[in-house]
Amino acid sequence: MGRFSWGASAKNRDMRVSRKDIPTSPVQEEAEAAKSGDYSTKGTLPKYVWVLGLFVTALFAYSIEVTPARISNAIWFNHLFSEYRPPRRTHMNLTHSRKSFLSKTVRDPIDLWSPPPDNGWKPCLIHTDFESGSDNGYLQVMCSGGLFQIHICVCNAVAVAKLVNATLLIPYFRKSLVWKDPSQFGDIYDTDHFIAYFEKDLRIVRQLPEEYAWSVPDLYAERCLERPNCLTYVRKHSTMNWYLEKVPPLLQTHGVAVLDGPTQYSGWDHKLTFEGLPVHITQLRCRANFEGLQFVPAIQEFGKLLVNRIRAKSLAVQSPNLAPQMTAPQPWWSTQNNEETLSEMLSGNSGDQVHRYLGLHVRFEKDMIAHSACYYGGGRAEKRALAAFRAKIWRGGVSKTRYKPEALRMNGSCPLTPDEMGLLLSGLGFPISTPVYMASKNLYGGVARIKPLKEIFPILESKYTLASTKELRPFLPYSHKLAALDFLVLLNSDVFMSNAAGNFPNVLSGQRTFYGPRKSIHADKRLLAHLFSKSSISWLEFSSQVTEGHLSRLGSPVRRMPKYSIFRYPAPDCMCQEPKQAVG
């Protein structure tokens, strides 16, 4: 056969496999690849890694004289090969139908880049004159997770500190088991601006006074329950009354109240309700989100550089005759002191529009795929490897594993693959010449996962292609800084889309709504799952249905529904709606 049949059952074989019967062509292929310097057969790994993997497989399968099915049960085998085997191509019939259709049809939709209607909503941040009571003590907050889980944590910390009349200590960032970034607040955010911005609202300090110097983060790591001044296992979206009941007694008794997660890798984040808060508290959280938290100058300046470069590439591709005479426009945040120019850029009406680009957030790392409990065609090896990863990262389990992967997909709960994102955007009418900026990291499946997307949109850029390794060196060891760069480039993109829900796309979509609105396509994954399940669907039918199905999912401001996040839906908490003018 030349390769193992990984899912084959021993009952279906007529003979027992001995040492000499075990196929050796995979190793032979690696030897040939090594001689030619080409490792595309098995990803990008040199031959000795695969030889070592086969050796470990044999060692843990008790005996090499077993069927391939039994070998595939070895846990080392599953971990090794599930991570590096290139993923299979999917939706090939639809892909072929698309190519045939586009070869005969030229489409030039005019409204692809147009901003969505604002429905009368405008930014509305109120600096209230609400008087605070006496300072009751210090609030110490531990945040963890990805950058925008931390972002939400800090915004909530500001609101709770004001609610209980406490002085806020600059939040501490715990190192996440997934993101492994040791960065602290001052490495990401402008601390001076943060303190000065809230000067009239609440007191913020960089460190505790000497009498409370004993309250250090390590004191509470996995020991919060043992510390009388520490609160952990706080329920998600806890109410104002809960904080008013629990926190002030700790401040009065100990001088410092701590909000922390149950483990050294977890923190306090989505633990403040969106409902029933006083207006001045809600507005304070809005201001923290949109104005209080600013990236340090080094991140902002490099973000500008990346935006200028992707726009310059877009200009060169879409209007090559203008490229030598024109420079790429400045991103919107570089014109903060010019309100008229800022308004024009955010509304998409400034200057020539040939420098447009599309921004994609592709959240397809191993932790996302494992947590989704969805299946992506890797067989038993993929399922077992992801199950082992879930057991390591989420000790309490993942609730979605109670459902079948097929049910999750048809319910719209599975992240889109990069090629599914490409098919959706192409179906909406974006041409092959569209410049695309992709924000991603360590995609599950490696480079092979991106290949179908690049075939649809060849001008596929990222921070790694727009900047040299030398330029990126100050940011490369730090996932939070890299995420901040992606955030700035995607925030300034003319059209944005993410493949999955999460803190990053939620905060980004909310910012694009608040500062625009700018077009943000919110993929209907349930509709797409239904269409992708039709093996014989034509490209014309697919394009027609996705276009119709996304008319109301383009980023217009809508009124937030109860329990929905203000970070994703800033209206009406952070925005005001202008009354409709009578006609006539």
Foldseek 3Di string as FASTA:
>chain_A
DLDAPQQDDPVPDPDFADPVNPHDNVLVVLVVCVVVVHPVQFANDHSVVVVVLVVVLCVQLVHPRGGSNSSSVRLSNLQVRQQTHFFDDALVLQVVLVVVVCVVDDDDDPCPLAFDDQQQWAFDFDDDQDDADAALFEEEFEAADALLLRLQAVLVQQLLCLLQNHEYAQYFYFQAPVQRFRDGQVQWWPPVLLQVVCVSRHHYDPDDDPVPNVDDPVVCALCQVVDPQEDEPQDAQDESVVSNVPHSVSCNPPRYHYFAYNHSNHTDGRRHHPPDDDLNSLSSSVCSLQPNTDTDPVLVVVLQLLLQLLLLVLCCLQPVVCSVVDGRDTFLVVPVVPVVVSQCLQSVNDDDPSSAAEEEEEEAALVLQLLLLADRRSPPSNNSNSVVVQVVNPVVGRVNVVDDNLVCQLVLSHFDQLLLVLLLVVLLPDQLAHAYEYDYDHHRSPPSSCVNSCVSHVNYHYPPRSDDCVSCVVPVVGSNSRLSSSLSSNLRHSEYEYRHDDSSVQLSLLNCSNSHVGWYFYFPSNVSSVVSVPSNDRSNVVSVVSNVVGPVRTRHADADDGRDDCSNHVPPSRIDGDDDDDDD
